[in-house]
Amino acid sequence: MKHFKLIFLLAAAIGLAGCQSKVQYGDATEVETVNENFGSTDLQAITSKMVDSMLTFPPVMVITANDRPIVFVDKIKNKTSEHIDTESVTDSISNKLLRSGKFRFIDMTKVDSVRKQLDYQNNAGMVDPSTAINFGRQIGAQYMLYGNLSSIVKQDGSTTDVYYKMTMRLMDLETGLIEWSDEKEIRKVRSKSFLGL
């Protein structure tokens, strides 16, 4: 009986030793193909395509030639069947456009926080009135940037085909006219072997 316990403990120890994992840093720009789901490579491809398209579109080049228009970015809507952090896609596109030096942005996700801070500065009686920022001094956005991410998933036996389409538009808020629009398509195919690997 003691031999069985010893063999069991030894087998358990070997099993645990074989299950250890190793963590290491990788290249953030390296192509990621762990599975067919939306991943970092897709995010980078979409971000590059959309920013390059918008910055080189002739009417947008005219708009930004002598001015840095103020843009409000609406969160990209996820119309796929999977959970995708579209806020990250939105942030990446906004950051690249801002760093181009061609646009300025209003962060609508922080409006409530700004309102609370302005209320505190003007109404709490704790801030020197000469340093308090007055209500009604913020600059309004001239354009709205928005978009959708959709997908079509097809499966046939051991093959899964996923098609993603990202569509974005830049709207002039005064006229309602669309000044720019583009889309990026991505197709990913996963085939399983007969062993299921």
C-alpha atoms as a PDB file:
ATOM      1  CA  MET A   1       0.000   0.000   0.000  1.00  0.00           C
ATOM      2  CA  LYS A   2       2.877   2.353   0.797  1.00  0.00           C
ATOM      3  CA  HIS A   3       4.369   1.666  -2.617  1.00  0.00           C
ATOM      4  CA  PHE A   4       1.093   2.705  -4.318  1.00  0.00           C
ATOM      5  CA  LYS A   5       1.011   5.982  -2.329  1.00  0.00           C
ATOM      6  CA  LEU A   6       4.623   6.674  -3.192  1.00  0.00           C
ATOM      7  CA  ILE A   7       4.033   5.936  -6.883  1.00  0.00           C
ATOM      8  CA  PHE A   8       0.894   8.116  -6.849  1.00  0.00           C
ATOM      9  CA  LEU A   9       2.736  11.045  -5.207  1.00  0.00           C
ATOM     10  CA  LEU A  10       5.636  10.686  -7.619  1.00  0.00           C
ATOM     11  CA  ALA A  11       3.274  10.599 -10.622  1.00  0.00           C
ATOM     12  CA  ALA A  12       1.398  13.658  -9.283  1.00  0.00           C
ATOM     13  CA  ALA A  13       4.677  15.548  -8.803  1.00  0.00           C
ATOM     14  CA  ILE A  14       5.815  14.695 -12.337  1.00  0.00           C
ATOM     15  CA  GLY A  15       2.393  15.701 -13.688  1.00  0.00           C
ATOM     16  CA  LEU A  16       2.519  19.062 -11.922  1.00  0.00           C
ATOM     17  CA  ALA A  17       6.077  19.667 -13.090  1.00  0.00           C
ATOM     18  CA  GLY A  18       4.968  19.000 -16.673  1.00  0.00           C
ATOM     19  CA  CYS A  19       2.094  21.524 -16.380  1.00  0.00           C
ATOM     20  CA  GLN A  20       4.236  24.541 -15.566  1.00  0.00           C
ATOM     21  CA  SER A  21       3.830  27.463 -17.913  1.00  0.00           C
ATOM     22  CA  LYS A  22       6.334  29.978 -19.146  1.00  0.00           C
ATOM     23  CA  VAL A  23       5.589  33.642 -19.790  1.00  0.00           C
ATOM     24  CA  GLN A  24       7.707  35.726 -22.102  1.00  0.00           C
ATOM     25  CA  TYR A  25       7.402  38.995 -23.992  1.00  0.00           C
ATOM     26  CA  GLY A  26       6.583  38.941 -27.681  1.00  0.00           C
ATOM     27  CA  ASP A  27       6.593  41.494 -30.476  1.00  0.00           C
ATOM     28  CA  ALA A  28       3.335  43.492 -30.278  1.00  0.00           C
ATOM     29  CA  THR A  29       3.391  43.995 -34.057  1.00  0.00           C
ATOM     30  CA  GLU A  30       3.958  40.326 -34.894  1.00  0.00           C
ATOM     31  CA  VAL A  31       1.125  38.589 -36.760  1.00  0.00           C
ATOM     32  CA  GLU A  32      -1.129  36.884 -34.222  1.00  0.00           C
ATOM     33  CA  THR A  33      -2.898  33.720 -35.413  1.00  0.00           C
ATOM     34  CA  VAL A  34      -3.896  31.899 -32.236  1.00  0.00           C
ATOM     35  CA  ASN A  35      -7.433  31.422 -33.568  1.00  0.00           C
ATOM     36  CA  GLU A  36      -9.899  32.895 -36.043  1.00  0.00           C
ATOM     37  CA  ASN A  37     -11.312  35.460 -33.583  1.00  0.00           C
ATOM     38  CA  PHE A  38     -10.662  39.198 -33.855  1.00  0.00           C
ATOM     39  CA  GLY A  39      -7.154  39.879 -32.526  1.00  0.00           C
ATOM     40  CA  SER A  40      -4.334  42.381 -32.205  1.00  0.00           C
ATOM     41  CA  THR A  41      -3.216  42.011 -35.828  1.00  0.00           C
ATOM     42  CA  ASP A  42      -6.759  42.816 -36.997  1.00  0.00           C
ATOM     43  CA  LEU A  43      -6.902  45.883 -34.734  1.00  0.00           C
ATOM     44  CA  GLN A  44      -3.578  47.152 -36.095  1.00  0.00           C
ATOM     45  CA  ALA A  45      -4.617  46.537 -39.713  1.00  0.00           C
ATOM     46  CA  ILE A  46      -7.918  48.367 -39.250  1.00  0.00           C
ATOM     47  CA  THR A  47      -6.283  51.287 -37.429  1.00  0.00           C
ATOM     48  CA  SER A  48      -3.623  51.766 -40.118  1.00  0.00           C
ATOM     49  CA  LYS A  49      -6.095  51.491 -42.990  1.00  0.00           C
ATOM     50  CA  MET A  50      -8.632  53.924 -41.523  1.00  0.00           C
ATOM     51  CA  VAL A  51      -6.133  56.578 -40.424  1.00  0.00           C
ATOM     52  CA  ASP A  52      -4.182  56.487 -43.704  1.00  0.00           C
ATOM     53  CA  SER A  53      -7.410  56.631 -45.707  1.00  0.00           C
ATOM     54  CA  MET A  54      -8.804  59.593 -43.776  1.00  0.00           C
ATOM     55  CA  LEU A  55      -5.574  61.609 -43.766  1.00  0.00           C
ATOM     56  CA  THR A  56      -5.021  61.184 -47.521  1.00  0.00           C
ATOM     57  CA  PHE A  57      -8.630  61.713 -48.656  1.00  0.00           C
ATOM     58  CA  PRO A  58      -8.549  64.954 -50.743  1.00  0.00           C
ATOM     59  CA  PRO A  59     -11.578  66.702 -49.132  1.00  0.00           C
ATOM     60  CA  VAL A  60     -10.206  65.929 -45.637  1.00  0.00           C
ATOM     61  CA  MET A  61      -6.801  67.261 -46.724  1.00  0.00           C
ATOM     62  CA  VAL A  62      -8.547  70.518 -47.704  1.00  0.00           C
ATOM     63  CA  ILE A  63     -10.379  70.668 -44.345  1.00  0.00           C
ATOM     64  CA  THR A  64      -7.119  70.172 -42.407  1.00  0.00           C
ATOM     65  CA  ALA A  65      -4.855  72.303 -44.633  1.00  0.00           C
ATOM     66  CA  ASN A  66      -5.084  75.489 -42.507  1.00  0.00           C
ATOM     67  CA  ASP A  67      -7.011  74.302 -39.448  1.00  0.00           C
ATOM     68  CA  ARG A  68      -7.142  71.498 -36.886  1.00  0.00           C
ATOM     69  CA  PRO A  69     -10.856  70.571 -36.867  1.00  0.00           C
ATOM     70  CA  ILE A  70     -12.407  69.442 -33.592  1.00  0.00           C
ATOM     71  CA  VAL A  71     -13.782  65.917 -33.746  1.00  0.00           C
ATOM     72  CA  PHE A  72     -16.039  63.977 -31.406  1.00  0.00           C
ATOM     73  CA  VAL A  73     -15.448  60.228 -31.692  1.00  0.00           C
ATOM     74  CA  ASP A  74     -18.416  57.975 -31.071  1.00  0.00           C
ATOM     75  CA  LYS A  75     -17.579  54.495 -29.759  1.00  0.00           C
ATOM     76  CA  ILE A  76     -17.421  51.986 -32.584  1.00  0.00           C
ATOM     77  CA  LYS A  77     -20.416  49.660 -32.485  1.00  0.00           C
ATOM     78  CA  ASN A  78     -19.765  45.938 -32.277  1.00  0.00           C
ATOM     79  CA  LYS A  79     -22.194  44.151 -34.607  1.00  0.00           C
ATOM     80  CA  THR A  80     -20.280  40.867 -34.526  1.00  0.00           C
ATOM     81  CA  SER A  81     -21.291  37.711 -32.659  1.00  0.00           C
ATOM     82  CA  GLU A  82     -18.183  37.808 -30.456  1.00  0.00           C
ATOM     83  CA  HIS A  83     -17.003  40.056 -27.636  1.00  0.00           C
ATOM     84  CA  ILE A  84     -14.641  42.642 -29.129  1.00  0.00           C
ATOM     85  CA  ASP A  85     -13.185  45.587 -27.232  1.00  0.00           C
ATOM     86  CA  THR A  86     -14.277  48.218 -29.751  1.00  0.00           C
ATOM     87  CA  GLU A  87     -13.262  50.945 -27.308  1.00  0.00           C
ATOM     88  CA  SER A  88      -9.657  49.860 -27.919  1.00  0.00           C
ATOM     89  CA  VAL A  89     -10.175  50.146 -31.692  1.00  0.00           C
ATOM     90  CA  THR A  90     -11.723  53.607 -31.197  1.00  0.00           C
ATOM     91  CA  ASP A  91      -8.842  54.701 -28.957  1.00  0.00           C
ATOM     92  CA  SER A  92      -6.182  53.499 -31.414  1.00  0.00           C
ATOM     93  CA  ILE A  93      -7.766  55.379 -34.319  1.00  0.00           C
ATOM     94  CA  SER A  94      -8.237  58.551 -32.234  1.00  0.00           C
ATOM     95  CA  ASN A  95      -4.649  58.428 -30.975  1.00  0.00           C
ATOM     96  CA  LYS A  96      -3.177  58.030 -34.462  1.00  0.00           C
ATOM     97  CA  LEU A  97      -5.311  60.867 -35.852  1.00  0.00           C
ATOM     98  CA  LEU A  98      -4.438  63.157 -32.939  1.00  0.00           C
ATOM     99  CA  ARG A  99      -0.726  62.381 -33.292  1.00  0.00           C
ATOM    100  CA  SER A 100      -0.924  63.312 -36.975  1.00  0.00           C
ATOM    101  CA  GLY A 101      -1.341  66.909 -35.828  1.00  0.00           C
ATOM    102  CA  LYS A 102      -4.330  67.348 -38.149  1.00  0.00           C
ATOM    103  CA  PHE A 103      -7.220  67.023 -35.659  1.00  0.00           C
ATOM    104  CA  ARG A 104      -8.245  67.894 -32.116  1.00  0.00           C
ATOM    105  CA  PHE A 105     -10.681  65.740 -30.173  1.00  0.00           C
ATOM    106  CA  ILE A 106     -13.400  66.098 -27.582  1.00  0.00           C
ATOM    107  CA  ASP A 107     -13.625  63.136 -25.220  1.00  0.00           C
ATOM    108  CA  MET A 108     -17.362  62.573 -24.742  1.00  0.00           C
ATOM    109  CA  THR A 109     -16.720  59.742 -22.276  1.00  0.00           C
ATOM    110  CA  LYS A 110     -15.526  62.346 -19.739  1.00  0.00           C
ATOM    111  CA  VAL A 111     -18.337  64.905 -20.052  1.00  0.00           C
ATOM    112  CA  ASP A 112     -19.922  63.927 -16.713  1.00  0.00           C
ATOM    113  CA  SER A 113     -16.568  64.098 -14.915  1.00  0.00           C
ATOM    114  CA  VAL A 114     -15.854  67.531 -16.422  1.00  0.00           C
ATOM    115  CA  ARG A 115     -19.339  68.735 -15.448  1.00  0.00           C
ATOM    116  CA  LYS A 116     -18.786  67.622 -11.840  1.00  0.00           C
ATOM    117  CA  GLN A 117     -15.385  69.360 -11.697  1.00  0.00           C
ATOM    118  CA  LEU A 118     -16.803  72.612 -13.114  1.00  0.00           C
ATOM    119  CA  ASP A 119     -19.714  72.445 -10.674  1.00  0.00           C
ATOM    120  CA  TYR A 120     -17.245  71.969  -7.820  1.00  0.00           C
ATOM    121  CA  GLN A 121     -15.089  74.900  -8.982  1.00  0.00           C
ATOM    122  CA  ASN A 122     -18.037  77.268  -9.399  1.00  0.00           C
ATOM    123  CA  ASN A 123     -20.461  76.218  -6.657  1.00  0.00           C
ATOM    124  CA  ALA A 124     -18.623  74.535  -3.771  1.00  0.00           C
ATOM    125  CA  GLY A 125     -17.223  77.771  -2.355  1.00  0.00           C
ATOM    126  CA  MET A 126     -13.814  76.115  -2.004  1.00  0.00           C
ATOM    127  CA  VAL A 127     -12.092  77.371  -5.171  1.00  0.00           C
ATOM    128  CA  ASP A 128     -10.755  80.891  -5.682  1.00  0.00           C
ATOM    129  CA  PRO A 129     -13.246  82.445  -8.159  1.00  0.00           C
ATOM    130  CA  SER A 130     -10.402  84.047 -10.112  1.00  0.00           C
ATOM    131  CA  THR A 131      -9.010  80.581 -10.937  1.00  0.00           C
ATOM    132  CA  ALA A 132     -12.331  78.764 -11.456  1.00  0.00           C
ATOM    133  CA  ILE A 133     -13.151  77.784 -15.038  1.00  0.00           C
ATOM    134  CA  ASN A 134     -16.549  79.133 -16.034  1.00  0.00           C
ATOM    135  CA  PHE A 135     -19.367  77.062 -17.483  1.00  0.00           C
ATOM    136  CA  GLY A 136     -20.141  77.480 -21.168  1.00  0.00           C
ATOM    137  CA  ARG A 137     -16.570  78.049 -22.327  1.00  0.00           C
ATOM    138  CA  GLN A 138     -15.888  74.689 -23.964  1.00  0.00           C
ATOM    139  CA  ILE A 139     -15.527  74.498 -27.714  1.00  0.00           C
ATOM    140  CA  GLY A 140     -18.035  72.404 -29.630  1.00  0.00           C
ATOM    141  CA  ALA A 141     -17.062  69.651 -32.032  1.00  0.00           C
ATOM    142  CA  GLN A 142     -17.290  70.356 -35.753  1.00  0.00           C
ATOM    143  CA  TYR A 143     -17.234  66.720 -36.871  1.00  0.00           C
ATOM    144  CA  MET A 144     -18.277  63.312 -35.587  1.00  0.00           C
ATOM    145  CA  LEU A 145     -16.273  60.172 -36.368  1.00  0.00           C
ATOM    146  CA  TYR A 146     -18.209  56.921 -35.994  1.00  0.00           C
ATOM    147  CA  GLY A 147     -18.288  53.365 -37.252  1.00  0.00           C
ATOM    148  CA  ASN A 148     -19.395  49.749 -37.072  1.00  0.00           C
ATOM    149  CA  LEU A 149     -17.575  46.441 -36.917  1.00  0.00           C
ATOM    150  CA  SER A 150     -19.586  43.532 -38.318  1.00  0.00           C
ATOM    151  CA  SER A 151     -18.838  39.917 -39.142  1.00  0.00           C
ATOM    152  CA  ILE A 152     -20.153  36.925 -41.062  1.00  0.00           C
ATOM    153  CA  VAL A 153     -19.191  33.489 -39.769  1.00  0.00           C
ATOM    154  CA  LYS A 154     -19.552  30.372 -41.939  1.00  0.00           C
ATOM    155  CA  GLN A 155     -18.762  26.854 -40.843  1.00  0.00           C
ATOM    156  CA  ASP A 156     -18.525  23.711 -42.931  1.00  0.00           C
ATOM    157  CA  GLY A 157     -17.319  20.607 -41.162  1.00  0.00           C
ATOM    158  CA  SER A 158     -13.815  21.300 -39.903  1.00  0.00           C
ATOM    159  CA  THR A 159     -13.462  24.701 -41.633  1.00  0.00           C
ATOM    160  CA  THR A 160     -14.488  28.036 -40.089  1.00  0.00           C
ATOM    161  CA  ASP A 161     -14.506  31.143 -42.272  1.00  0.00           C
ATOM    162  CA  VAL A 162     -14.841  34.537 -40.543  1.00  0.00           C
ATOM    163  CA  TYR A 163     -15.289  37.749 -42.530  1.00  0.00           C
ATOM    164  CA  TYR A 164     -14.933  41.078 -40.684  1.00  0.00           C
ATOM    165  CA  LYS A 165     -15.870  44.475 -42.081  1.00  0.00           C
ATOM    166  CA  MET A 166     -15.084  47.769 -40.391  1.00  0.00           C
ATOM    167  CA  THR A 167     -16.873  50.848 -41.728  1.00  0.00           C
ATOM    168  CA  MET A 168     -16.145  54.404 -40.570  1.00  0.00           C
ATOM    169  CA  ARG A 169     -17.554  57.816 -41.458  1.00  0.00           C
ATOM    170  CA  LEU A 170     -16.724  61.458 -40.718  1.00  0.00           C
ATOM    171  CA  MET A 171     -19.822  63.656 -40.487  1.00  0.00           C
ATOM    172  CA  ASP A 172     -19.947  67.469 -40.573  1.00  0.00           C
ATOM    173  CA  LEU A 173     -22.169  68.226 -37.563  1.00  0.00           C
ATOM    174  CA  GLU A 174     -23.377  71.539 -38.964  1.00  0.00           C
ATOM    175  CA  THR A 175     -24.555  70.235 -42.331  1.00  0.00           C
ATOM    176  CA  GLY A 176     -24.988  66.513 -41.638  1.00  0.00           C
ATOM    177  CA  LEU A 177     -22.883  65.768 -44.730  1.00  0.00           C
ATOM    178  CA  ILE A 178     -20.540  62.778 -44.730  1.00  0.00           C
ATOM    179  CA  GLU A 179     -17.085  64.146 -45.553  1.00  0.00           C
ATOM    180  CA  TRP A 180     -15.264  60.795 -45.569  1.00  0.00           C
ATOM    181  CA  SER A 181     -16.139  57.111 -45.433  1.00  0.00           C
ATOM    182  CA  ASP A 182     -14.148  53.934 -45.870  1.00  0.00           C
ATOM    183  CA  GLU A 183     -14.110  50.286 -44.921  1.00  0.00           C
ATOM    184  CA  LYS A 184     -11.561  47.593 -44.178  1.00  0.00           C
ATOM    185  CA  GLU A 185     -12.276  43.915 -44.798  1.00  0.00           C
ATOM    186  CA  ILE A 186     -10.517  40.981 -43.145  1.00  0.00           C
ATOM    187  CA  ARG A 187     -11.086  37.286 -43.843  1.00  0.00           C
ATOM    188  CA  LYS A 188      -9.752  34.529 -41.588  1.00  0.00           C
ATOM    189  CA  VAL A 189     -10.051  30.798 -42.283  1.00  0.00           C
ATOM    190  CA  ARG A 190      -9.348  28.053 -39.759  1.00  0.00           C
ATOM    191  CA  SER A 191      -9.163  24.423 -40.798  1.00  0.00           C
ATOM    192  CA  LYS A 192      -8.902  21.618 -38.270  1.00  0.00           C
ATOM    193  CA  SER A 193      -7.033  18.431 -39.081  1.00  0.00           C
ATOM    194  CA  PHE A 194      -8.682  15.048 -38.724  1.00  0.00           C
ATOM    195  CA  LEU A 195      -7.119  14.822 -35.245  1.00  0.00           C
ATOM    196  CA  GLY A 196      -8.969  17.983 -34.198  1.00  0.00           C
ATOM    197  CA  LEU A 197      -5.780  20.020 -33.845  1.00  0.00           C
END
